Amino acid sequence: MGNASRFIELENKFGARNYLPLPVVLVKGDGVWVYDVDGTSTWIA
């Protein structure tokens, strides 16, 4: 996961934990495309 693991670790330590977060850190969305902190893109429908 690269950069995402640092953010996920922070979420696990300081997050409210009122729900189970997804193991991804999104930084940008463009239409149906989303991008994570490692630069990977995927589309969501």
Protein backbone atom coordinates (compact mmCIF):
# COMPACT_ATOMS: atom_id res chain seq x y z
CA MET A 1 0.00 0.00 0.00
CA GLY A 2 2.93 2.37 0.30
CA ASN A 3 1.84 5.82 1.44
CA ALA A 4 -1.65 4.66 2.33
CA SER A 5 -0.42 2.46 5.17
CA ARG A 6 0.77 5.53 7.12
CA PHE A 7 -2.66 7.18 6.86
CA ILE A 8 -4.48 3.95 7.69
CA GLU A 9 -2.28 3.52 10.78
CA LEU A 10 -3.18 7.06 11.90
CA GLU A 11 -6.87 6.34 11.31
CA ASN A 12 -6.63 3.18 13.40
CA LYS A 13 -4.90 5.07 16.22
CA PHE A 14 -6.96 8.30 16.32
CA GLY A 15 -10.18 7.56 14.39
CA ALA A 16 -13.61 7.40 15.99
CA ARG A 17 -14.09 3.72 15.04
CA ASN A 18 -17.85 4.10 14.73
CA TYR A 19 -17.64 2.16 11.46
CA LEU A 20 -15.04 -0.03 9.74
CA PRO A 21 -13.16 2.16 7.23
CA LEU A 22 -12.10 0.85 3.85
CA PRO A 23 -8.37 0.01 3.49
CA VAL A 24 -7.79 2.81 0.97
CA VAL A 25 -6.92 6.52 1.19
CA LEU A 26 -8.58 8.52 -1.58
CA VAL A 27 -7.15 11.92 -2.48
CA LYS A 28 -9.02 12.89 -5.65
CA GLY A 29 -12.18 12.17 -7.55
CA ASP A 30 -13.00 13.06 -11.16
CA GLY A 31 -16.39 11.90 -12.40
CA VAL A 32 -16.43 8.11 -11.92
CA TRP A 33 -12.64 7.95 -11.36
CA VAL A 34 -11.03 8.00 -7.91
CA TYR A 35 -7.33 8.20 -7.09
CA ASP A 36 -5.46 7.00 -4.02
CA VAL A 37 -2.33 8.41 -2.35
CA ASP A 38 -0.15 5.95 -4.28
CA GLY A 39 -1.41 7.24 -7.64
CA THR A 40 -3.58 4.24 -8.45
CA SER A 41 -6.82 5.10 -10.22
CA THR A 42 -10.02 3.10 -10.55
CA TRP A 43 -13.59 3.84 -11.54
CA ILE A 44 -16.60 3.47 -9.34
CA ALA A 45 -20.15 2.94 -10.52
